[in-house]
Amino acid sequence: MFDSRSRRSRVLIQALATVLTVPFLLPLTAMVQGSFAGRGIGNYQKVFATGVVPTYFRNSAIIAVSVVVIVYVVTMLAAFGFSKLRFRGKEIWFWALLAALTMPEAVLLTPLFVMASRFDLYNEYAAVILPLAALQTPFTVLLARNYVGGIPNELMEAGKVDGASILQVFRHVILPLTRPIAATIVVLTFINSWNSYLLPMLMLNDPGKQVVTLLPSFFTSQYTNDQTGVLAAAVITAVPAVIAYLSAQKYFERGMAAGALK
């Protein structure tokens, strides 16, 4: 009886998961199919013929990797502090940080542009890297704080008894135990940074510093709209993000589940 119920539950969960993935798979399937319409592989050759793909990929990689490093370091330190350390106003600072989750990127574009111009950061990678890192940190801190909070305090106390400082406990005791949530943070941050469009479009006017998400704009203008070129460029743009997710899928899912439940 129990096995029968368990089997039915698994079937229902699989059916539900299938239904939920259909709305996401259909646009992706249509995008890939449309990218081969007409000239087939020639549509992709047309994208690479623009000559900007290597440059755009390099710029996107610089921005995405820089954002990942900043977000990871800040997130793990903040999660450790908010979950394991005692200091005045800890909860106030934490909820103030979470309040940033309510600020959409589009609302911040004008003040960010004014600040970038004032500090001579326009057309510099930093004008995109720093805002992207700041916008993603509140959510990653929320995930990591829940995960770090589930690590037994006894492990920290044991490290202190052995003469370790707070930073040594953080580095040698806490960090090794946070690999699942760290993988989640790295993948999420990389995908969001790689797919960023508004900030690079606004801040990076220099063609030599533009990013891969601007690649489809080569095939749209006031008088032309090459849909096959746009779709082929979109597929090329999406490939690194898909690879990043698939390569860390196991750790990503484990970290998301642990961060949400603990």
Protein backbone atom coordinates (compact mmCIF):
# COMPACT_ATOMS: atom_id res chain seq x y z
CA MET A 1 0.00 0.00 0.00
CA PHE A 2 2.77 2.41 0.96
CA ASP A 3 4.78 1.63 -2.19
CA SER A 4 1.69 2.21 -4.32
CA ARG A 5 1.05 5.61 -2.75
CA SER A 6 4.70 6.54 -3.07
CA ARG A 7 4.67 5.57 -6.74
CA ARG A 8 1.53 7.62 -7.40
CA SER A 9 3.09 10.61 -5.64
CA ARG A 10 6.20 10.39 -7.80
CA VAL A 11 4.08 10.17 -10.94
CA LEU A 12 2.04 13.21 -9.90
CA ILE A 13 5.19 15.20 -9.11
CA GLN A 14 6.75 14.28 -12.46
CA ALA A 15 3.55 15.20 -14.28
CA LEU A 16 3.37 18.54 -12.46
CA ALA A 17 7.03 19.26 -13.21
CA THR A 18 6.43 18.48 -16.88
CA VAL A 19 3.44 20.82 -17.04
CA LEU A 20 5.39 23.61 -15.35
CA THR A 21 8.35 23.30 -17.72
CA VAL A 22 6.26 23.44 -20.91
CA PRO A 23 5.80 27.26 -20.85
CA PHE A 24 9.58 27.64 -20.62
CA LEU A 25 10.53 24.95 -23.14
CA LEU A 26 8.17 26.08 -25.90
CA PRO A 27 9.80 29.53 -26.39
CA LEU A 28 13.27 27.96 -26.28
CA THR A 29 12.27 25.35 -28.86
CA ALA A 30 10.75 28.02 -31.08
CA MET A 31 13.91 30.13 -30.76
CA VAL A 32 16.21 27.28 -31.79
CA GLN A 33 13.95 26.20 -34.66
CA GLY A 34 13.58 29.77 -35.89
CA SER A 35 17.35 30.28 -35.83
CA PHE A 36 17.69 27.57 -38.52
CA ALA A 37 14.86 28.87 -40.71
CA GLY A 38 15.76 29.81 -44.27
CA ARG A 39 19.54 29.52 -44.59
CA GLY A 40 19.98 26.98 -41.77
CA ILE A 41 23.51 27.07 -40.36
CA GLY A 42 24.11 30.08 -42.58
CA ASN A 43 22.18 32.18 -40.06
CA TYR A 44 24.86 31.44 -37.47
CA GLN A 45 27.62 32.15 -39.98
CA LYS A 46 25.96 35.50 -40.57
CA VAL A 47 26.17 36.28 -36.85
CA PHE A 48 29.88 35.40 -36.66
CA ALA A 49 30.47 37.38 -39.86
CA THR A 50 29.74 40.57 -37.91
CA GLY A 51 33.23 40.17 -36.44
CA VAL A 52 32.17 41.30 -32.96
CA VAL A 53 31.29 37.95 -31.37
CA PRO A 54 34.75 37.31 -29.77
CA THR A 55 34.92 40.87 -28.44
CA TYR A 56 31.40 40.80 -27.05
CA PHE A 57 31.99 37.39 -25.44
CA ARG A 58 35.21 38.64 -23.86
CA ASN A 59 33.48 41.72 -22.44
CA SER A 60 30.57 39.69 -21.08
CA ALA A 61 33.00 37.22 -19.50
CA ILE A 62 34.96 40.03 -17.82
CA ILE A 63 31.79 41.55 -16.39
CA ALA A 64 30.17 38.25 -15.35
CA VAL A 65 33.28 36.82 -13.68
CA SER A 66 33.97 40.09 -11.86
CA VAL A 67 30.41 40.26 -10.57
CA VAL A 68 30.55 36.62 -9.46
CA VAL A 69 33.74 37.21 -7.45
CA ILE A 70 32.39 40.35 -5.77
CA VAL A 71 28.99 38.84 -4.97
CA TYR A 72 30.47 35.60 -3.65
CA VAL A 73 32.94 37.30 -1.30
CA VAL A 74 30.44 39.87 -0.01
CA THR A 75 27.64 37.32 0.30
CA MET A 76 29.58 34.74 2.28
CA LEU A 77 31.02 37.34 4.66
CA ALA A 78 27.61 38.95 5.16
CA ALA A 79 25.86 35.60 5.62
CA PHE A 80 28.41 34.59 8.24
CA GLY A 81 28.06 37.88 10.06
CA PHE A 82 24.26 37.98 10.01
CA SER A 83 23.83 34.34 11.06
CA LYS A 84 26.71 33.63 13.47
CA LEU A 85 27.98 36.90 14.91
CA ARG A 86 26.39 39.22 17.44
CA PHE A 87 26.47 42.96 16.89
CA ARG A 88 24.19 45.87 17.59
CA GLY A 89 21.41 46.44 15.05
CA LYS A 90 22.04 43.17 13.22
CA GLU A 91 18.39 42.58 12.32
CA ILE A 92 17.88 46.20 11.31
CA TRP A 93 20.84 46.07 8.93
CA PHE A 94 19.66 42.75 7.53
CA TRP A 95 16.14 43.96 6.76
CA ALA A 96 17.54 47.19 5.34
CA LEU A 97 19.59 45.04 2.97
CA LEU A 98 16.52 43.01 2.00
CA ALA A 99 14.62 46.23 1.28
CA ALA A 100 16.89 46.59 -1.75
CA LEU A 101 15.08 43.60 -3.28
CA THR A 102 12.13 45.89 -3.92
CA MET A 103 14.18 48.20 -6.16
CA PRO A 104 13.89 47.21 -9.84
CA GLU A 105 16.86 47.78 -12.10
CA ALA A 106 14.92 50.02 -14.49
CA VAL A 107 14.11 52.53 -11.73
CA LEU A 108 17.80 52.91 -10.87
CA LEU A 109 19.07 53.50 -14.41
CA THR A 110 18.89 57.30 -14.32
CA PRO A 111 20.62 57.80 -10.94
CA LEU A 112 23.22 55.19 -11.87
CA PHE A 113 23.93 56.98 -15.14
CA VAL A 114 24.30 60.32 -13.30
CA MET A 115 26.71 58.76 -10.78
CA ALA A 116 28.74 57.04 -13.50
CA SER A 117 29.10 60.34 -15.37
CA ARG A 118 30.02 62.24 -12.21
CA PHE A 119 32.76 59.77 -11.25
CA ASP A 120 34.07 59.36 -14.83
CA LEU A 121 32.98 55.72 -15.00
CA TYR A 122 30.91 56.01 -18.18
CA ASN A 123 32.15 53.49 -20.77
CA GLU A 124 34.04 51.65 -18.03
CA TYR A 125 33.35 48.06 -16.97
CA ALA A 126 32.99 49.23 -13.36
CA ALA A 127 29.85 51.18 -14.31
CA VAL A 128 28.17 47.84 -15.03
CA ILE A 129 30.00 45.51 -12.62
CA LEU A 130 29.36 47.45 -9.40
CA PRO A 131 25.59 48.02 -9.90
CA LEU A 132 25.05 44.42 -11.02
CA ALA A 133 26.86 43.14 -7.93
CA ALA A 134 24.89 45.46 -5.65
CA LEU A 135 21.55 44.47 -7.19
CA GLN A 136 22.19 40.74 -6.79
CA THR A 137 23.73 40.72 -3.32
CA PRO A 138 20.51 41.09 -1.24
CA PHE A 139 18.95 37.90 -2.63
CA THR A 140 22.15 35.86 -2.41
CA VAL A 141 22.68 37.01 1.18
CA LEU A 142 19.15 35.88 2.02
CA LEU A 143 19.86 32.42 0.58
CA ALA A 144 23.29 32.07 2.15
CA ARG A 145 22.23 33.35 5.57
CA ASN A 146 19.60 30.63 5.86
CA TYR A 147 22.16 28.00 4.85
CA VAL A 148 24.97 29.21 7.13
CA GLY A 149 22.49 29.52 9.99
CA GLY A 150 21.94 25.75 9.74
CA ILE A 151 25.60 24.98 10.44
CA PRO A 152 25.96 23.90 14.10
CA ASN A 153 27.47 26.53 16.38
CA GLU A 154 29.44 23.76 18.08
CA LEU A 155 31.77 23.64 15.08
CA MET A 156 32.62 27.29 15.58
CA GLU A 157 33.15 26.80 19.29
CA ALA A 158 35.48 23.88 18.60
CA GLY A 159 37.52 26.05 16.27
CA LYS A 160 37.78 28.79 18.88
CA VAL A 161 38.88 26.29 21.50
CA ASP A 162 41.69 25.23 19.17
CA GLY A 163 42.86 28.85 19.10
CA ALA A 164 41.41 29.90 15.72
CA SER A 165 40.36 33.50 15.15
CA ILE A 166 36.95 34.45 13.76
CA LEU A 167 38.37 34.82 10.26
CA GLN A 168 40.13 31.46 10.52
CA VAL A 169 36.90 29.81 11.66
CA PHE A 170 35.12 31.40 8.73
CA ARG A 171 37.75 30.30 6.23
CA HIS A 172 38.55 26.80 7.49
CA VAL A 173 35.27 25.71 9.13
CA ILE A 174 32.34 27.58 7.55
CA LEU A 175 33.41 28.00 3.92
CA PRO A 176 34.12 24.29 3.23
CA LEU A 177 30.59 23.47 4.42
CA THR A 178 28.92 26.02 2.14
CA ARG A 179 29.83 24.52 -1.24
CA PRO A 180 26.24 23.69 -2.30
CA ILE A 181 24.94 27.19 -1.60
CA ALA A 182 28.15 28.65 -3.06
CA ALA A 183 27.50 26.79 -6.33
CA THR A 184 23.96 28.18 -6.36
CA ILE A 185 25.21 31.72 -5.81
CA VAL A 186 27.88 31.42 -8.50
CA VAL A 187 25.48 30.00 -11.11
CA LEU A 188 22.68 32.46 -10.36
CA THR A 189 25.04 35.44 -10.36
CA PHE A 190 26.78 34.35 -13.57
CA ILE A 191 23.52 33.82 -15.44
CA ASN A 192 22.02 37.13 -14.31
CA SER A 193 25.21 39.03 -15.12
CA TRP A 194 25.68 37.33 -18.49
CA ASN A 195 22.08 38.07 -19.48
CA SER A 196 22.15 41.69 -18.33
CA TYR A 197 20.95 44.04 -21.05
CA LEU A 198 19.78 47.43 -19.75
CA LEU A 199 22.89 48.45 -17.80
CA PRO A 200 25.43 47.52 -20.51
CA MET A 201 23.30 49.20 -23.16
CA LEU A 202 23.18 52.41 -21.10
CA MET A 203 26.70 52.48 -19.66
CA LEU A 204 28.86 51.03 -22.45
CA ASN A 205 28.62 53.09 -25.62
CA ASP A 206 32.11 52.12 -26.80
CA PRO A 207 31.73 49.31 -29.40
CA GLY A 208 34.87 47.69 -28.03
CA LYS A 209 33.28 47.27 -24.58
CA GLN A 210 29.74 46.20 -25.45
CA VAL A 211 28.42 42.79 -24.39
CA VAL A 212 26.94 39.73 -26.01
CA THR A 213 23.32 40.55 -25.13
CA LEU A 214 23.57 43.47 -27.56
CA LEU A 215 24.44 41.09 -30.41
CA PRO A 216 20.84 40.75 -31.71
CA SER A 217 20.71 44.52 -32.26
CA PHE A 218 22.97 44.02 -35.30
CA PHE A 219 19.99 42.52 -37.10
CA THR A 220 17.33 45.08 -36.18
CA SER A 221 17.12 48.71 -37.23
CA GLN A 222 14.55 51.28 -38.27
CA TYR A 223 14.16 49.73 -41.73
CA THR A 224 15.21 46.08 -41.30
CA ASN A 225 14.26 43.27 -38.97
CA ASP A 226 16.17 40.07 -39.70
CA GLN A 227 14.36 37.64 -37.40
CA THR A 228 16.53 34.63 -38.26
CA GLY A 229 19.65 36.64 -37.43
CA VAL A 230 18.11 37.83 -34.17
CA LEU A 231 17.19 34.28 -33.15
CA ALA A 232 20.59 32.87 -34.09
CA ALA A 233 22.28 35.63 -32.08
CA ALA A 234 19.97 34.88 -29.14
CA VAL A 235 20.89 31.19 -29.22
CA ILE A 236 24.61 32.02 -29.28
CA THR A 237 24.10 34.41 -26.37
CA ALA A 238 22.27 31.79 -24.30
CA VAL A 239 24.77 28.94 -24.74
CA PRO A 240 27.25 29.94 -21.96
CA ALA A 241 24.45 30.43 -19.42
CA VAL A 242 22.97 27.01 -20.26
CA ILE A 243 26.38 25.36 -19.96
CA ALA A 244 26.99 27.07 -16.61
CA TYR A 245 23.70 25.76 -15.24
CA LEU A 246 24.09 22.22 -16.56
CA SER A 247 27.65 21.92 -15.27
CA ALA A 248 26.56 22.74 -11.70
CA GLN A 249 22.96 21.54 -11.81
CA LYS A 250 23.30 19.04 -8.95
CA TYR A 251 24.90 21.53 -6.58
CA PHE A 252 22.60 24.33 -7.74
CA GLU A 253 19.42 22.41 -6.93
CA ARG A 254 20.81 21.16 -3.61
CA GLY A 255 21.85 24.66 -2.59
CA MET A 256 18.51 26.20 -3.57
CA ALA A 257 16.60 23.59 -1.57
CA ALA A 258 18.84 23.96 1.48
CA GLY A 259 18.87 27.75 1.33
CA ALA A 260 15.09 27.90 1.11
CA LEU A 261 14.36 25.38 3.87
CA LYS A 262 16.95 26.02 6.57
